Amino acid sequence: MPQIKQAIKRVKTQEASRQRNISQKSDMRTTVKKFRAAAAAGADNAQDLYKEATRALDMAASKHLIHKNKAGRDKSRLAALLNK
């Protein structure tokens, strides 16, 4: 544990950021998994879930949780899955 006050505060804020990032990334993955499951089952709400999944990927990319190229690649793959 750091001794300097500023370093102690930095450790606390980093932990808070880490927890927030984990939570947001987990939510994004869950949304994508829901769409993939619906697309595989041929569910009626696949279009709505696709919209939610692409939004989640865009939000994650804008918050730098994932790289923007990964978001684009994943969105492209989801669109291909939707159109199959």
N, C-alpha and C. Protein backbone atom coordinates (compact mmCIF):
# COMPACT_ATOMS: atom_id res chain seq x y z
N MET A 1 0.84 -1.18 0.00
CA MET A 1 0.00 0.00 0.00
C MET A 1 0.88 1.24 0.00
N PRO A 2 0.53 2.24 -0.80
CA PRO A 2 1.35 3.45 -0.86
C PRO A 2 1.29 4.26 0.44
N GLN A 3 2.31 5.07 0.66
CA GLN A 3 2.38 5.90 1.85
C GLN A 3 1.92 7.33 1.58
N ILE A 4 2.10 7.79 0.37
CA ILE A 4 1.78 9.17 0.01
C ILE A 4 0.27 9.30 -0.22
N LYS A 5 -0.29 10.39 0.27
CA LYS A 5 -1.74 10.59 0.24
C LYS A 5 -2.29 10.54 -1.18
N GLN A 6 -1.62 11.19 -2.10
CA GLN A 6 -2.07 11.21 -3.49
C GLN A 6 -2.07 9.81 -4.09
N ALA A 7 -1.06 9.03 -3.78
CA ALA A 7 -0.97 7.66 -4.29
C ALA A 7 -2.06 6.78 -3.68
N ILE A 8 -2.39 7.01 -2.42
CA ILE A 8 -3.47 6.25 -1.77
C ILE A 8 -4.79 6.54 -2.46
N LYS A 9 -5.04 7.82 -2.74
CA LYS A 9 -6.28 8.22 -3.42
C LYS A 9 -6.32 7.61 -4.83
N ARG A 10 -5.19 7.59 -5.50
CA ARG A 10 -5.14 7.04 -6.85
C ARG A 10 -5.49 5.54 -6.84
N VAL A 11 -5.01 4.82 -5.87
CA VAL A 11 -5.33 3.39 -5.75
C VAL A 11 -6.83 3.20 -5.58
N LYS A 12 -7.46 4.05 -4.75
CA LYS A 12 -8.90 3.95 -4.54
C LYS A 12 -9.68 4.24 -5.82
N THR A 13 -9.29 5.29 -6.53
CA THR A 13 -10.02 5.64 -7.75
C THR A 13 -9.80 4.61 -8.84
N GLN A 14 -8.61 4.03 -8.90
CA GLN A 14 -8.35 2.98 -9.89
C GLN A 14 -9.21 1.76 -9.62
N GLU A 15 -9.38 1.42 -8.37
CA GLU A 15 -10.22 0.26 -8.02
C GLU A 15 -11.67 0.53 -8.38
N ALA A 16 -12.14 1.74 -8.13
CA ALA A 16 -13.52 2.10 -8.47
C ALA A 16 -13.71 2.03 -9.98
N SER A 17 -12.75 2.53 -10.73
CA SER A 17 -12.82 2.49 -12.19
C SER A 17 -12.79 1.06 -12.70
N ARG A 18 -11.96 0.24 -12.09
CA ARG A 18 -11.84 -1.16 -12.50
C ARG A 18 -13.16 -1.88 -12.30
N GLN A 19 -13.79 -1.67 -11.16
CA GLN A 19 -15.08 -2.31 -10.89
C GLN A 19 -16.15 -1.85 -11.87
N ARG A 20 -16.17 -0.55 -12.15
CA ARG A 20 -17.15 0.00 -13.10
C ARG A 20 -16.92 -0.57 -14.50
N ASN A 21 -15.66 -0.64 -14.91
CA ASN A 21 -15.34 -1.18 -16.23
C ASN A 21 -15.74 -2.64 -16.35
N ILE A 22 -15.48 -3.42 -15.31
CA ILE A 22 -15.84 -4.84 -15.32
C ILE A 22 -17.35 -4.99 -15.48
N SER A 23 -18.09 -4.19 -14.74
CA SER A 23 -19.55 -4.26 -14.78
C SER A 23 -20.08 -3.91 -16.17
N GLN A 24 -19.58 -2.82 -16.74
CA GLN A 24 -20.05 -2.39 -18.05
C GLN A 24 -19.67 -3.39 -19.14
N LYS A 25 -18.49 -3.95 -19.05
CA LYS A 25 -18.05 -4.93 -20.03
C LYS A 25 -18.89 -6.20 -19.92
N SER A 26 -19.21 -6.59 -18.71
CA SER A 26 -20.04 -7.76 -18.48
C SER A 26 -21.44 -7.55 -19.06
N ASP A 27 -22.01 -6.37 -18.85
CA ASP A 27 -23.33 -6.06 -19.41
C ASP A 27 -23.30 -6.13 -20.94
N MET A 28 -22.23 -5.62 -21.53
CA MET A 28 -22.10 -5.65 -22.99
C MET A 28 -22.06 -7.09 -23.49
N ARG A 29 -21.26 -7.92 -22.83
CA ARG A 29 -21.14 -9.32 -23.24
C ARG A 29 -22.48 -10.05 -23.10
N THR A 30 -23.20 -9.76 -22.03
CA THR A 30 -24.50 -10.39 -21.80
C THR A 30 -25.48 -10.02 -22.90
N THR A 31 -25.48 -8.75 -23.30
CA THR A 31 -26.37 -8.28 -24.36
C THR A 31 -26.06 -8.98 -25.67
N VAL A 32 -24.78 -9.12 -25.98
CA VAL A 32 -24.38 -9.78 -27.22
C VAL A 32 -24.76 -11.26 -27.18
N LYS A 33 -24.58 -11.90 -26.02
CA LYS A 33 -24.94 -13.31 -25.89
C LYS A 33 -26.44 -13.52 -26.05
N LYS A 34 -27.24 -12.61 -25.53
CA LYS A 34 -28.69 -12.71 -25.68
C LYS A 34 -29.08 -12.66 -27.15
N PHE A 35 -28.44 -11.75 -27.90
CA PHE A 35 -28.74 -11.67 -29.33
C PHE A 35 -28.32 -12.94 -30.05
N ARG A 36 -27.12 -13.43 -29.76
CA ARG A 36 -26.65 -14.64 -30.43
C ARG A 36 -27.58 -15.83 -30.17
N ALA A 37 -28.05 -15.95 -28.94
CA ALA A 37 -28.96 -17.04 -28.59
C ALA A 37 -30.29 -16.88 -29.34
N ALA A 38 -30.79 -15.66 -29.42
CA ALA A 38 -32.05 -15.41 -30.13
C ALA A 38 -31.90 -15.66 -31.62
N ALA A 39 -30.77 -15.26 -32.18
CA ALA A 39 -30.54 -15.46 -33.61
C ALA A 39 -30.42 -16.95 -33.93
N ALA A 40 -29.79 -17.70 -33.06
CA ALA A 40 -29.64 -19.14 -33.27
C ALA A 40 -30.98 -19.85 -33.17
N ALA A 41 -31.85 -19.34 -32.28
CA ALA A 41 -33.16 -19.97 -32.09
C ALA A 41 -34.18 -19.45 -33.10
N GLY A 42 -33.83 -18.41 -33.84
CA GLY A 42 -34.77 -17.83 -34.80
C GLY A 42 -35.91 -17.09 -34.11
N ALA A 43 -35.61 -16.42 -33.02
CA ALA A 43 -36.64 -15.71 -32.25
C ALA A 43 -37.15 -14.49 -33.00
N ASP A 44 -38.37 -14.10 -32.64
CA ASP A 44 -39.00 -12.96 -33.30
C ASP A 44 -38.35 -11.63 -32.91
N ASN A 45 -37.81 -11.56 -31.71
CA ASN A 45 -37.24 -10.30 -31.23
C ASN A 45 -35.75 -10.15 -31.54
N ALA A 46 -35.26 -10.90 -32.49
CA ALA A 46 -33.83 -10.85 -32.82
C ALA A 46 -33.42 -9.46 -33.31
N GLN A 47 -34.31 -8.80 -34.06
CA GLN A 47 -33.99 -7.47 -34.58
C GLN A 47 -33.81 -6.47 -33.43
N ASP A 48 -34.68 -6.52 -32.44
CA ASP A 48 -34.57 -5.63 -31.29
C ASP A 48 -33.31 -5.92 -30.48
N LEU A 49 -33.02 -7.19 -30.30
CA LEU A 49 -31.82 -7.57 -29.56
C LEU A 49 -30.56 -7.18 -30.32
N TYR A 50 -30.62 -7.23 -31.66
CA TYR A 50 -29.49 -6.79 -32.47
C TYR A 50 -29.22 -5.31 -32.24
N LYS A 51 -30.30 -4.53 -32.20
CA LYS A 51 -30.17 -3.09 -31.98
C LYS A 51 -29.54 -2.81 -30.61
N GLU A 52 -29.97 -3.54 -29.60
CA GLU A 52 -29.40 -3.38 -28.25
C GLU A 52 -27.93 -3.78 -28.22
N ALA A 53 -27.61 -4.87 -28.91
CA ALA A 53 -26.22 -5.36 -28.91
C ALA A 53 -25.29 -4.37 -29.60
N THR A 54 -25.71 -3.83 -30.74
CA THR A 54 -24.86 -2.86 -31.44
C THR A 54 -24.70 -1.59 -30.61
N ARG A 55 -25.77 -1.20 -29.93
CA ARG A 55 -25.68 -0.02 -29.06
C ARG A 55 -24.70 -0.27 -27.92
N ALA A 56 -24.77 -1.45 -27.34
CA ALA A 56 -23.86 -1.80 -26.24
C ALA A 56 -22.41 -1.80 -26.72
N LEU A 57 -22.17 -2.32 -27.92
CA LEU A 57 -20.81 -2.32 -28.46
C LEU A 57 -20.32 -0.90 -28.72
N ASP A 58 -21.20 -0.05 -29.26
CA ASP A 58 -20.81 1.34 -29.51
C ASP A 58 -20.50 2.08 -28.21
N MET A 59 -21.32 1.84 -27.19
CA MET A 59 -21.09 2.49 -25.90
C MET A 59 -19.77 2.02 -25.29
N ALA A 60 -19.49 0.74 -25.39
CA ALA A 60 -18.24 0.21 -24.84
C ALA A 60 -17.04 0.80 -25.57
N ALA A 61 -17.16 0.96 -26.88
CA ALA A 61 -16.07 1.55 -27.65
C ALA A 61 -15.89 3.03 -27.30
N SER A 62 -16.99 3.73 -27.11
CA SER A 62 -16.88 5.16 -26.79
C SER A 62 -16.29 5.38 -25.41
N LYS A 63 -16.46 4.41 -24.50
CA LYS A 63 -15.90 4.52 -23.16
C LYS A 63 -14.53 3.86 -23.06
N HIS A 64 -14.00 3.43 -24.19
CA HIS A 64 -12.67 2.81 -24.29
C HIS A 64 -12.57 1.51 -23.50
N LEU A 65 -13.69 0.81 -23.37
CA LEU A 65 -13.65 -0.51 -22.75
C LEU A 65 -13.13 -1.53 -23.75
N ILE A 66 -13.49 -1.32 -25.01
CA ILE A 66 -12.97 -2.15 -26.10
C ILE A 66 -12.49 -1.21 -27.20
N HIS A 67 -11.66 -1.71 -28.09
CA HIS A 67 -11.14 -0.91 -29.19
C HIS A 67 -12.25 -0.68 -30.21
N LYS A 68 -12.22 0.46 -30.89
CA LYS A 68 -13.27 0.77 -31.85
C LYS A 68 -13.28 -0.22 -33.02
N ASN A 69 -12.12 -0.76 -33.38
CA ASN A 69 -12.09 -1.74 -34.46
C ASN A 69 -12.73 -3.05 -34.03
N LYS A 70 -12.57 -3.41 -32.77
CA LYS A 70 -13.23 -4.62 -32.26
C LYS A 70 -14.73 -4.43 -32.27
N ALA A 71 -15.18 -3.25 -31.90
CA ALA A 71 -16.62 -2.98 -31.91
C ALA A 71 -17.16 -3.10 -33.34
N GLY A 72 -16.45 -2.54 -34.29
CA GLY A 72 -16.89 -2.62 -35.68
C GLY A 72 -16.89 -4.05 -36.19
N ARG A 73 -15.88 -4.80 -35.85
CA ARG A 73 -15.79 -6.20 -36.27
C ARG A 73 -16.93 -7.02 -35.68
N ASP A 74 -17.18 -6.82 -34.39
CA ASP A 74 -18.26 -7.56 -33.74
C ASP A 74 -19.62 -7.18 -34.30
N LYS A 75 -19.84 -5.91 -34.57
CA LYS A 75 -21.11 -5.47 -35.15
C LYS A 75 -21.31 -6.06 -36.53
N SER A 76 -20.24 -6.15 -37.28
CA SER A 76 -20.33 -6.74 -38.62
C SER A 76 -20.70 -8.21 -38.53
N ARG A 77 -20.09 -8.90 -37.60
CA ARG A 77 -20.40 -10.34 -37.43
C ARG A 77 -21.83 -10.55 -36.95
N LEU A 78 -22.31 -9.66 -36.08
CA LEU A 78 -23.69 -9.78 -35.62
C LEU A 78 -24.67 -9.51 -36.75
N ALA A 79 -24.35 -8.54 -37.60
CA ALA A 79 -25.21 -8.22 -38.74
C ALA A 79 -25.26 -9.40 -39.70
N ALA A 80 -24.13 -10.05 -39.92
CA ALA A 80 -24.10 -11.22 -40.79
C ALA A 80 -24.93 -12.34 -40.20
N LEU A 81 -24.88 -12.49 -38.89
CA LEU A 81 -25.67 -13.52 -38.21
C LEU A 81 -27.17 -13.21 -38.31
N LEU A 82 -27.51 -11.94 -38.22
CA LEU A 82 -28.92 -11.53 -38.31
C LEU A 82 -29.47 -11.78 -39.72
N ASN A 83 -28.65 -11.53 -40.73
CA ASN A 83 -29.11 -11.65 -42.12
C ASN A 83 -29.05 -13.08 -42.65
N LYS A 84 -28.55 -13.99 -41.86
CA LYS A 84 -28.42 -15.38 -42.29
C LYS A 84 -29.75 -16.06 -42.40
